[in-house]
Protein backbone atom coordinates (compact mmCIF):
# COMPACT_ATOMS: atom_id res chain seq x y z
CA MET A 1 -31.26 65.34 -19.54
CA ALA A 2 -30.53 68.60 -17.75
CA LYS A 3 -34.21 69.62 -18.01
CA LEU A 4 -35.32 66.29 -16.57
CA LYS A 5 -32.84 66.66 -13.71
CA ASN A 6 -34.07 70.18 -12.92
CA ARG A 7 -37.69 69.01 -13.02
CA LEU A 8 -36.93 66.18 -10.59
CA LYS A 9 -35.17 68.60 -8.26
CA ARG A 10 -38.24 70.81 -8.37
CA TYR A 11 -40.78 68.14 -7.47
CA LEU A 12 -38.81 65.69 -5.32
CA PRO A 13 -39.06 66.32 -1.56
CA THR A 14 -36.22 68.24 0.02
CA GLN A 15 -34.03 66.83 2.79
CA ARG A 16 -36.01 68.90 5.28
CA ARG A 17 -39.33 67.52 4.04
CA LEU A 18 -37.99 63.96 4.26
CA ILE A 19 -36.87 64.57 7.86
CA GLN A 20 -40.32 65.97 8.70
CA LEU A 21 -42.01 62.89 7.22
CA TYR A 22 -39.57 60.62 9.06
CA ALA A 23 -40.28 62.31 12.40
CA ALA A 24 -44.05 62.01 11.88
CA LEU A 25 -43.68 58.29 11.10
CA LEU A 26 -41.39 57.65 14.06
CA TYR A 27 -43.65 59.45 16.53
CA ASN A 28 -46.63 57.44 15.21
CA ALA A 29 -45.01 54.07 14.62
CA HIS A 30 -47.88 52.17 16.28
CA LEU A 31 -49.51 51.32 12.95
CA LYS A 32 -51.62 48.65 14.63
CA GLY A 33 -53.46 51.42 16.46
CA PHE A 34 -54.97 52.68 13.20
CA ILE A 35 -56.19 49.14 12.50
CA THR A 36 -57.64 48.32 15.93
CA GLY A 37 -58.74 51.81 17.02
CA ASN A 38 -56.74 51.61 20.27
CA ILE A 39 -53.77 53.68 21.39
CA TYR A 40 -50.38 52.32 22.38
CA THR A 41 -49.93 51.95 26.14
CA GLY A 42 -46.50 50.30 26.34
CA LYS A 43 -43.68 51.35 28.61
CA ILE A 44 -42.05 53.77 26.14
CA LYS A 45 -45.28 55.82 26.03
CA ALA A 46 -44.01 57.67 29.10
CA LEU A 47 -41.10 59.08 27.06
CA CYS A 48 -41.58 62.51 25.52
CA VAL A 49 -40.96 63.08 21.81
CA PRO A 50 -39.48 66.49 20.86
CA GLY A 51 -42.32 67.72 18.63
CA PHE A 52 -46.00 68.48 19.04
CA ASN A 53 -47.79 65.12 18.77
CA CYS A 54 -50.84 64.04 20.79
CA TYR A 55 -50.29 60.95 22.96
CA SER A 56 -53.93 59.94 22.28
CA CYS A 57 -53.28 59.50 18.57
CA PRO A 58 -53.78 55.78 17.71
CA GLY A 59 -50.25 55.67 16.32
CA ALA A 60 -48.42 57.67 18.99
CA ILE A 61 -45.62 55.80 20.76
CA GLY A 62 -44.55 58.68 23.02
CA ALA A 63 -45.99 61.53 25.02
CA CYS A 64 -46.28 65.16 23.93
CA PRO A 65 -43.87 67.27 26.03
CA LEU A 66 -46.44 70.05 26.30
CA GLY A 67 -49.17 67.72 27.57
CA ALA A 68 -46.71 66.03 29.92
CA LEU A 69 -45.70 69.44 31.33
CA GLN A 70 -49.32 70.41 32.00
CA ASN A 71 -50.12 67.08 33.64
CA ALA A 72 -46.97 67.27 35.76
CA LEU A 73 -47.79 70.80 36.91
CA ALA A 74 -51.43 69.89 37.53
CA ALA A 75 -50.40 67.01 39.80
CA SER A 76 -47.23 68.56 41.18
CA GLY A 77 -48.39 69.44 44.72
CA ASN A 78 -45.14 69.83 46.65
CA ARG A 79 -43.16 67.84 44.09
CA ALA A 80 -41.30 69.52 41.21
CA PRO A 81 -41.91 67.97 37.76
CA THR A 82 -38.21 67.22 37.31
CA TYR A 83 -38.45 64.75 34.42
CA VAL A 84 -40.56 66.94 32.16
CA LEU A 85 -38.58 70.09 32.93
CA GLY A 86 -35.36 68.18 32.38
CA ILE A 87 -36.42 66.76 29.01
CA LEU A 88 -37.61 70.18 27.82
CA LEU A 89 -34.30 71.66 28.94
CA LEU A 90 -32.44 68.96 26.99
CA PHE A 91 -34.49 69.50 23.83
CA GLY A 92 -34.18 73.28 24.14
CA LEU A 93 -30.42 73.36 24.69
CA THR A 94 -29.63 70.92 21.89
CA LEU A 95 -32.21 71.68 19.18
CA GLY A 96 -34.29 74.69 20.21
CA ARG A 97 -36.76 75.69 17.49
CA THR A 98 -35.00 73.46 14.98
CA ILE A 99 -37.59 71.01 16.33
CA CYS A 100 -40.31 73.27 14.92
CA GLY A 101 -38.70 73.34 11.50
CA PHE A 102 -37.74 69.66 11.19
CA LEU A 103 -39.23 67.42 13.90
CA CYS A 104 -42.82 68.57 14.45
CA PRO A 105 -45.73 66.76 12.70
CA VAL A 106 -47.99 69.78 13.26
CA GLY A 107 -45.36 71.93 11.54
CA LEU A 108 -45.37 69.52 8.57
CA MET A 109 -49.16 69.72 8.38
CA GLN A 110 -49.01 73.53 8.33
CA ASP A 111 -46.34 73.52 5.60
CA LEU A 112 -48.49 71.26 3.39
CA LEU A 113 -51.65 73.29 3.97
CA HIS A 114 -49.87 76.50 2.99
CA LYS A 115 -48.93 74.96 -0.36
CA LEU A 116 -52.56 75.02 -1.45
CA PRO A 117 -52.92 77.58 -4.27
CA THR A 118 -54.71 80.49 -2.57
CA PRO A 119 -53.93 84.14 -1.86
CA LYS A 120 -51.45 84.45 1.01
CA LEU A 121 -51.20 86.96 3.82
CA SER A 122 -47.66 88.28 4.17
CA LYS A 123 -46.05 89.08 7.48
CA SER A 124 -46.30 92.60 8.85
CA ARG A 125 -46.05 94.56 12.07
CA VAL A 126 -49.42 93.11 13.07
CA THR A 127 -48.24 89.52 12.70
CA ARG A 128 -45.06 90.33 14.64
CA VAL A 129 -47.18 91.59 17.52
CA LEU A 130 -49.48 88.56 17.29
CA SER A 131 -46.47 86.25 17.47
CA PHE A 132 -46.20 87.06 21.18
CA THR A 133 -49.68 85.58 21.78
CA LYS A 134 -48.17 82.12 22.17
CA TYR A 135 -46.15 83.31 25.18
CA ALA A 136 -49.36 84.51 26.83
CA LEU A 137 -50.97 81.12 26.13
CA LEU A 138 -47.89 79.40 27.56
CA ALA A 139 -48.12 81.38 30.78
CA LEU A 140 -51.89 81.11 31.25
CA PHE A 141 -52.95 77.70 29.88
CA VAL A 142 -49.77 75.67 30.39
CA VAL A 143 -48.45 77.06 33.69
CA ILE A 144 -50.89 79.22 35.68
CA LEU A 145 -54.18 77.31 35.25
CA PRO A 146 -52.72 73.81 35.88
CA LEU A 147 -50.90 75.08 38.96
CA TRP A 148 -53.96 76.92 40.22
CA TYR A 149 -56.22 73.89 39.91
CA SER A 150 -53.56 71.63 41.41
CA LEU A 151 -53.90 73.65 44.62
CA GLN A 152 -57.55 72.58 44.63
CA SER A 153 -56.60 68.94 43.92
CA LEU A 154 -58.15 69.12 40.45
CA PRO A 155 -55.76 68.18 37.62
CA LEU A 156 -56.45 70.43 34.63
CA PRO A 157 -54.16 70.35 31.55
CA ALA A 158 -55.84 73.53 30.30
CA PHE A 159 -54.25 73.92 26.85
CA CYS A 160 -54.88 70.26 25.98
CA LYS A 161 -58.46 70.44 27.25
CA TYR A 162 -59.60 73.73 25.75
CA ILE A 163 -57.42 74.56 22.71
CA CYS A 164 -54.97 71.92 21.44
CA PRO A 165 -55.67 71.24 17.72
CA ALA A 166 -53.35 68.20 17.72
CA GLY A 167 -55.42 66.59 20.47
CA THR A 168 -58.62 67.19 18.52
CA LEU A 169 -57.30 66.02 15.15
CA GLU A 170 -54.92 63.21 16.12
CA GLY A 171 -56.58 62.10 19.35
CA ALA A 172 -60.35 62.64 19.15
CA VAL A 173 -60.87 62.49 15.37
CA GLY A 174 -58.20 59.80 15.00
CA LEU A 175 -59.96 57.53 17.49
CA LEU A 176 -63.57 58.35 16.64
CA SER A 177 -62.99 57.75 12.92
CA HIS A 178 -62.47 54.04 13.68
CA PRO A 179 -65.68 51.92 13.65
CA ALA A 180 -64.61 50.19 16.89
CA ASN A 181 -65.08 53.50 18.74
CA ALA A 182 -68.47 54.39 17.28
CA ASP A 183 -70.12 54.04 20.69
CA LYS A 184 -67.92 56.86 22.04
CA PHE A 185 -69.81 59.51 20.06
CA SER A 186 -72.32 59.68 22.89
CA MET A 187 -69.55 61.17 25.08
CA LEU A 188 -69.13 64.23 22.88
CA GLY A 189 -70.42 67.52 24.18
CA ILE A 190 -69.97 71.26 23.93
CA LEU A 191 -66.28 71.00 24.86
CA PHE A 192 -65.51 68.86 21.81
CA THR A 193 -67.66 71.10 19.60
CA ARG A 194 -65.70 74.19 20.67
CA LYS A 195 -62.36 72.46 20.18
CA PHE A 196 -63.43 71.16 16.76
CA ILE A 197 -64.36 74.70 15.68
CA ILE A 198 -60.97 75.93 16.93
CA LEU A 199 -59.29 73.18 14.90
CA LEU A 200 -61.15 74.15 11.72
CA LEU A 201 -60.27 77.83 12.20
CA ILE A 202 -56.59 77.00 12.70
CA LEU A 203 -56.49 74.72 9.65
CA ALA A 204 -58.16 77.40 7.53
CA ALA A 205 -55.76 80.07 8.80
CA CYS A 206 -52.75 77.89 7.90
CA VAL A 207 -53.88 77.82 4.26
CA PHE A 208 -53.61 81.61 3.99
CA ILE A 209 -50.99 82.39 6.65
CA TYR A 210 -47.67 80.60 6.78
CA ARG A 211 -47.58 78.43 9.93
CA ALA A 212 -50.37 80.37 11.66
CA PHE A 213 -50.51 78.01 14.65
CA CYS A 214 -46.73 77.84 14.98
CA ARG A 215 -46.34 81.61 14.85
CA PHE A 216 -49.25 82.77 16.98
CA LEU A 217 -50.53 79.97 19.23
CA CYS A 218 -48.05 77.15 19.90
CA PRO A 219 -46.79 77.19 23.53
CA LEU A 220 -44.24 74.47 22.77
CA GLY A 221 -42.65 76.70 20.15
CA ALA A 222 -42.64 79.49 22.73
CA ILE A 223 -40.74 77.26 25.16
CA TYR A 224 -38.15 76.30 22.56
CA GLY A 225 -37.86 79.93 21.50
CA LEU A 226 -36.51 80.76 24.96
CA PHE A 227 -33.38 78.75 24.06
CA ALA A 228 -32.71 80.64 20.80
CA ARG A 229 -29.38 82.12 21.95
CA VAL A 230 -27.93 78.91 23.39
CA ALA A 231 -29.28 76.02 21.27
CA VAL A 232 -26.43 73.95 19.84
CA ILE A 233 -28.01 72.98 16.50
CA GLY A 234 -29.46 75.48 14.03
CA VAL A 235 -28.67 78.13 11.47
CA LYS A 236 -25.78 80.41 12.38
CA VAL A 237 -24.51 83.64 10.81
CA ASP A 238 -20.85 84.34 10.09
CA VAL A 239 -20.75 87.99 11.21
CA SER A 240 -17.46 88.56 9.41
CA ARG A 241 -19.21 87.95 6.09
CA CYS A 242 -22.61 89.46 6.84
CA THR A 243 -23.24 92.90 5.30
CA ASP A 244 -26.60 93.46 7.04
CA CYS A 245 -28.41 93.64 3.71
CA GLY A 246 -31.58 92.33 5.37
CA ARG A 247 -32.52 89.95 2.56
CA CYS A 248 -32.69 86.95 4.91
CA VAL A 249 -35.15 88.69 7.24
CA SER A 250 -37.32 90.18 4.50
CA ARG A 251 -37.72 86.88 2.64
CA CYS A 252 -38.32 84.73 5.71
CA PRO A 253 -42.06 83.95 6.15
CA MET A 254 -41.65 83.82 9.94
CA ASP A 255 -41.75 86.95 12.11
CA ILE A 256 -38.01 87.10 12.75
CA ASN A 257 -35.94 90.19 13.49
CA ARG A 258 -32.70 88.35 12.74
CA VAL A 259 -31.63 84.88 11.69
CA GLY A 260 -31.68 82.47 14.63
CA ASP A 261 -33.84 84.52 17.00
CA HIS A 262 -36.78 83.20 19.04
CA GLU A 263 -39.12 83.20 16.02
CA CYS A 264 -36.69 81.41 13.68
CA ILE A 265 -37.57 77.74 13.01
CA HIS A 266 -34.15 77.08 11.38
CA CYS A 267 -35.64 75.80 8.13
CA GLY A 268 -32.47 76.87 6.30
CA LYS A 269 -34.15 78.64 3.36
CA CYS A 270 -32.19 81.80 4.10
CA MET A 271 -28.90 80.04 3.30
CA ASN A 272 -29.66 80.16 -0.42
CA ASP A 273 -30.98 83.74 -0.22
CA CYS A 274 -27.82 85.17 1.32
CA PRO A 275 -25.64 86.79 -1.39
CA GLU A 276 -22.56 86.61 0.85
CA GLN A 277 -23.04 82.92 1.78
CA ALA A 278 -22.78 83.96 5.42
CA ILE A 279 -25.42 81.57 6.80
CA PHE A 280 -24.61 77.98 7.77
CA PHE A 281 -26.45 75.09 9.39
CA GLN A 282 -24.27 73.94 12.26
CA ALA A 283 -24.15 71.59 15.23
CA GLY A 284 -21.74 73.34 17.55
CA ARG A 285 -18.60 73.84 15.46
CA ILE A 286 -19.54 71.16 12.92
CA THR A 287 -21.02 72.50 9.69
CA LEU A 288 -23.88 70.27 8.59
CA HIS A 289 -24.81 72.22 5.47
CA SER A 290 -23.91 75.45 3.70
CA PRO A 291 -24.01 76.87 0.15
CA GLU A 292 -20.24 76.45 0.00
CA ILE A 293 -20.55 72.68 0.38
CA ALA A 294 -22.83 72.49 -2.66
CA ALA A 295 -20.27 74.44 -4.71
CA SER A 296 -17.19 72.68 -3.32
CA ALA A 297 -14.90 70.14 -4.98
CA PRO A 298 -16.36 66.72 -5.91
CA ASN A 299 -14.38 64.91 -3.21
CA VAL A 300 -15.77 67.24 -0.51
CA ARG A 301 -19.33 66.75 -1.77
CA ARG A 302 -18.82 62.99 -1.78
CA LYS A 303 -17.71 63.12 1.87
CA TYR A 304 -20.86 64.96 2.94
CA ARG A 305 -23.03 62.70 0.76
CA THR A 306 -21.51 59.64 2.44
CA ARG A 307 -22.29 61.10 5.85
CA ARG A 308 -25.90 61.70 4.81
CA ILE A 309 -26.27 58.13 3.57
CA ILE A 310 -24.91 56.76 6.84
CA ALA A 311 -27.18 59.03 8.87
CA TRP A 312 -30.27 58.02 6.86
CA ALA A 313 -29.36 54.32 7.10
CA ALA A 314 -29.12 54.60 10.89
CA ALA A 315 -32.38 56.57 11.05
CA LEU A 316 -34.24 54.00 8.95
CA LEU A 317 -32.90 51.22 11.16
CA VAL A 318 -34.27 53.03 14.22
CA LEU A 319 -37.64 53.41 12.49
CA LEU A 320 -37.80 49.70 11.58
CA VAL A 321 -36.91 48.70 15.15
CA ALA A 322 -39.65 51.02 16.45
CA PHE A 323 -42.20 49.50 14.04
CA TRP A 324 -41.22 45.99 15.13
CA TYR A 325 -41.19 46.74 18.85
CA VAL A 326 -44.52 48.54 19.22
CA ASN A 327 -46.49 46.52 16.64
CA LEU A 328 -45.10 42.98 17.00
CA TYR A 329 -42.95 42.54 20.08
CA ALA A 330 -43.99 44.79 22.97
CA PRO A 331 -46.09 42.85 25.50
CA GLY A 332 -49.18 44.27 27.13
CA THR A 333 -50.27 46.39 24.15
CA GLN A 334 -52.71 44.04 22.43
CA SER A 335 -56.29 45.11 22.09
CA PRO A 336 -59.32 42.94 22.71
CA ALA A 337 -59.86 42.86 18.96
CA ASP A 338 -56.73 40.75 18.69
CA GLY A 339 -58.41 37.99 20.67
CA ILE A 340 -55.69 38.03 23.34
CA ALA A 341 -56.80 37.88 26.95
CA SER A 342 -55.10 39.46 29.92
CA PRO A 343 -52.19 37.39 31.23
CA SER A 344 -53.82 37.52 34.67
CA ALA A 345 -57.27 36.61 33.37
CA THR A 346 -58.72 33.17 33.94
CA GLU A 347 -61.43 31.63 31.83
CA ALA A 348 -64.78 30.54 33.22
CA PRO A 349 -65.22 26.82 33.96
CA ALA A 350 -65.63 24.73 30.83
CA ASP A 351 -69.11 23.54 31.89
CA ASP A 352 -70.40 27.10 32.31
CA SER A 353 -72.76 28.07 29.50
CA ILE A 354 -72.18 31.82 30.00
CA PRO A 355 -69.19 33.01 27.93
CA THR A 356 -66.48 35.22 29.40
CA GLY A 357 -66.21 38.64 27.77
CA LYS A 358 -66.75 42.36 27.98
CA GLU A 359 -70.41 42.70 26.99
CA ILE A 360 -73.38 43.05 29.33
CA GLY A 361 -74.66 39.59 30.20
CA MET A 362 -71.24 37.95 29.85
CA ARG A 363 -69.12 36.63 32.68
CA ALA A 364 -66.48 39.19 33.69
CA PRO A 365 -62.89 38.05 33.03
CA ASP A 366 -60.97 37.50 36.24
CA PHE A 367 -57.91 39.66 36.94
CA THR A 368 -55.39 40.41 39.64
CA VAL A 369 -53.97 43.90 40.22
CA PRO A 370 -51.52 45.28 42.83
CA LEU A 371 -52.97 47.73 45.34
CA TYR A 372 -51.56 51.18 46.03
CA GLY A 373 -50.25 51.72 49.56
CA ARG A 374 -50.63 48.09 50.55
CA ASP A 375 -48.44 45.03 50.19
CA ALA A 376 -51.35 43.13 48.67
CA SER A 377 -53.33 42.63 45.49
CA PHE A 378 -56.98 42.48 44.44
CA SER A 379 -58.54 39.63 42.46
CA LEU A 380 -62.01 39.85 40.98
CA SER A 381 -62.66 36.23 41.94
CA SER A 382 -62.24 37.14 45.61
CA SER A 383 -65.31 39.41 45.44
CA ARG A 384 -67.61 36.69 44.04
CA GLY A 385 -70.87 36.65 45.97
CA LYS A 386 -71.20 40.43 46.18
CA ILE A 387 -71.82 43.22 43.69
CA THR A 388 -68.52 44.63 42.41
CA ILE A 389 -67.93 48.07 40.87
CA VAL A 390 -64.74 48.55 38.89
CA ASN A 391 -63.77 52.13 38.07
CA PHE A 392 -60.97 52.76 35.56
CA TRP A 393 -59.48 56.21 36.09
CA ALA A 394 -56.27 58.31 35.92
CA THR A 395 -54.92 61.35 37.74
CA TRP A 396 -54.59 63.23 34.43
CA CYS A 397 -58.30 62.68 33.67
CA THR A 398 -60.27 65.54 35.26
CA PRO A 399 -63.72 63.85 34.98
CA CYS A 400 -62.20 60.76 36.61
CA CYS A 401 -60.96 62.71 39.62
CA ASN A 402 -64.24 64.59 39.93
CA GLU A 403 -66.26 61.37 40.28
CA LEU A 404 -63.96 59.49 42.70
CA PRO A 405 -65.88 60.85 45.75
CA PHE A 406 -69.05 59.18 44.39
CA PHE A 407 -67.38 55.76 44.31
CA ASP A 408 -65.94 56.32 47.78
CA ALA A 409 -69.41 57.31 49.06
CA VAL A 410 -70.75 54.00 47.71
CA ALA A 411 -67.95 52.09 49.46
CA ARG A 412 -68.81 53.81 52.76
CA GLN A 413 -72.58 53.53 52.35
CA TYR A 414 -72.83 49.87 51.34
CA GLY A 415 -69.89 48.51 53.34
CA ASP A 416 -69.08 44.84 52.73
CA SER A 417 -72.21 44.22 50.63
CA VAL A 418 -70.69 46.04 47.63
CA CYS A 419 -67.05 45.83 46.56
CA VAL A 420 -65.61 48.99 44.95
CA ILE A 421 -62.17 49.04 43.32
CA ALA A 422 -60.63 52.02 41.47
CA ILE A 423 -57.96 50.94 38.97
CA HIS A 424 -55.52 53.51 37.62
CA SER A 425 -54.55 53.51 33.95
CA SER A 426 -51.24 51.94 32.98
CA LEU A 427 -50.25 55.34 31.56
CA VAL A 428 -48.80 56.83 34.76
CA THR A 429 -47.47 60.36 34.25
CA ASP A 430 -47.23 61.47 37.87
CA ASN A 431 -47.16 60.30 41.50
CA VAL A 432 -50.47 58.49 41.97
CA GLU A 433 -49.83 57.63 45.63
CA GLY A 434 -48.91 61.26 46.30
CA TYR A 435 -52.19 62.35 44.72
CA LEU A 436 -54.25 59.87 46.76
CA ALA A 437 -52.51 60.95 49.98
CA ARG A 438 -54.36 64.27 49.76
CA PHE A 439 -57.71 62.52 50.31
CA ASP A 440 -59.25 60.21 52.90
CA TYR A 441 -60.65 57.62 50.50
CA LEU A 442 -61.86 54.37 52.04
CA MET A 443 -62.05 52.29 48.84
CA PRO A 444 -58.92 50.51 47.57
CA PHE A 445 -56.92 51.77 44.59
CA ALA A 446 -54.96 49.54 42.22
CA LEU A 447 -52.75 49.81 39.13
CA ASP A 448 -53.38 48.19 35.76
CA GLU A 449 -49.65 47.70 35.17
CA SER A 450 -49.75 46.39 31.59
CA GLY A 451 -53.06 47.87 30.45
CA THR A 452 -54.52 44.43 29.79
CA VAL A 453 -57.19 44.60 32.50
CA ILE A 454 -59.03 47.55 30.97
CA GLN A 455 -58.51 46.01 27.53
CA SER A 456 -60.18 42.79 28.68
CA PHE A 457 -63.26 44.93 29.44
CA GLY A 458 -63.15 46.52 25.97
CA GLY A 459 -61.60 49.80 27.11
CA SER A 460 -58.51 51.79 26.22
CA THR A 461 -57.33 55.12 27.62
CA MET A 462 -60.68 56.75 26.96
CA LEU A 463 -61.61 57.44 30.57
CA PRO A 464 -63.43 57.20 32.92
CA GLN A 465 -64.91 53.74 32.45
CA THR A 466 -67.19 51.98 34.94
CA VAL A 467 -68.03 48.27 35.07
CA VAL A 468 -70.69 46.79 37.39
CA ILE A 469 -70.63 43.03 38.05
CA ASP A 470 -73.36 41.19 39.92
CA GLU A 471 -73.00 38.57 42.66
CA ASN A 472 -72.62 35.78 40.08
CA GLY A 473 -69.81 37.53 38.22
CA ILE A 474 -72.02 38.67 35.32
CA ILE A 475 -71.50 42.14 33.82
CA THR A 476 -74.61 44.31 34.21
CA TYR A 477 -73.07 47.64 33.15
CA ASN A 478 -69.96 48.57 31.14
CA ALA A 479 -69.62 52.07 29.71
CA VAL A 480 -67.22 54.96 29.20
CA GLY A 481 -68.27 58.27 30.70
CA SER A 482 -68.84 60.04 34.00
CA VAL A 483 -71.36 58.81 36.56
CA THR A 484 -73.10 60.42 39.53
CA LEU A 485 -73.85 59.00 42.97
CA GLU A 486 -77.50 58.60 41.96
CA LYS A 487 -76.43 56.71 38.83
CA LEU A 488 -74.24 54.36 40.86
CA GLU A 489 -77.06 53.65 43.32
CA SER A 490 -79.34 52.89 40.37
CA LEU A 491 -76.75 50.53 38.86
CA ILE A 492 -76.36 48.71 42.18
CA ALA A 493 -80.14 48.23 42.44
CA GLN A 494 -80.20 46.94 38.86
CA ALA A 495 -77.37 44.46 39.56
CA ALA A 496 -79.15 43.19 42.69
CA GLN A 497 -82.27 42.17 40.78
């Protein structure tokens, strides 16, 4: 019986591993996204989760704090990104790099990859020096480049665009692996190829080097590391017991100089390695776990076990509520595959032989959207009798912003003969009106508040998307990808035939 118990202890997941799995499930509770191939665009998507998790993942129900910070800086102008800085400050002061050890899906992936039976590269002076690379990446790709391009009115979340392995794996691969997004492969170019190679190199490195991305490249870990001295929750050392034997530092696979410093992910493994039992896992003055608890009297162990059961019961309840809300309840998150039309859409007359839909040759579904900067709205039915161009865009989408002048040039060139409307994504991460105030655009801008308008045209948050509708309300063009002024003029000529 004792052998069986020891074997179970050896192979059953630890409390830390269970918490990591729980966090990954909670962050990606939109299970319907993996079935439909669309991402969640509900209201809670604007909230940042603590760990590194791409908002473009089909299951993601929240935003990545690192991506949100870049987008906020890229679109900051004269406005400070108070929400993102505040949420990072909150996460840093309360949890710090405990998030890396317990609440980061990318950290879980690295832990699992390192378990593969291969030769391992131990830490050394070289790896300690390389661990400062992530601070350079934080400064250059997360702060300097987004701010620099924001001065030129070009939003550029540089780390997400050029490096982020989570964006490539969870976002791009996660979406493109679904058959419903097979037509998006034509959008891939050298940028995706470079990022995919970076992803493969990082995954391979994590097999041989413990948490290679976390230690050397992750800017989010660098941010949380700045709060190492003040974070409330994490491993703490009782200096009155510590003999400075150095066993905790030598056995730790991270590049720490002492327990709890900026490289420590607070995994808690050092608690069992300390011969003096001087290391505890604490939340302020409350001890959450220590070797002494495991060796304490049965009544004390029962008290802590009861607390764990209550905590897990509450956590599972939160997870179930999240599953229910984002998959079954939340309005405005259905995909076209569900057969649910936009609440503002109206069907074509019953005697019309042309069906309403998203494909070329179908009648465009009607919609009504509120306009930015005006106490008015735009309805597609009001533009019947003229060619209409609908552009779906977002401030955080660099290709979208680059092509807006082409749509505005069409609006100026063709006047009342062609109707142009630019509709912003429902995923609003910054001040859209503040961004538009920097330009003298003639065409109207609107907001797809619930995300159902772009969904009725078969789109998601894969932007930009352009739809051309002829004078009779029939779709003549509907595609994701950038366009040029020459392309738009060609599409208008085609729609006029």
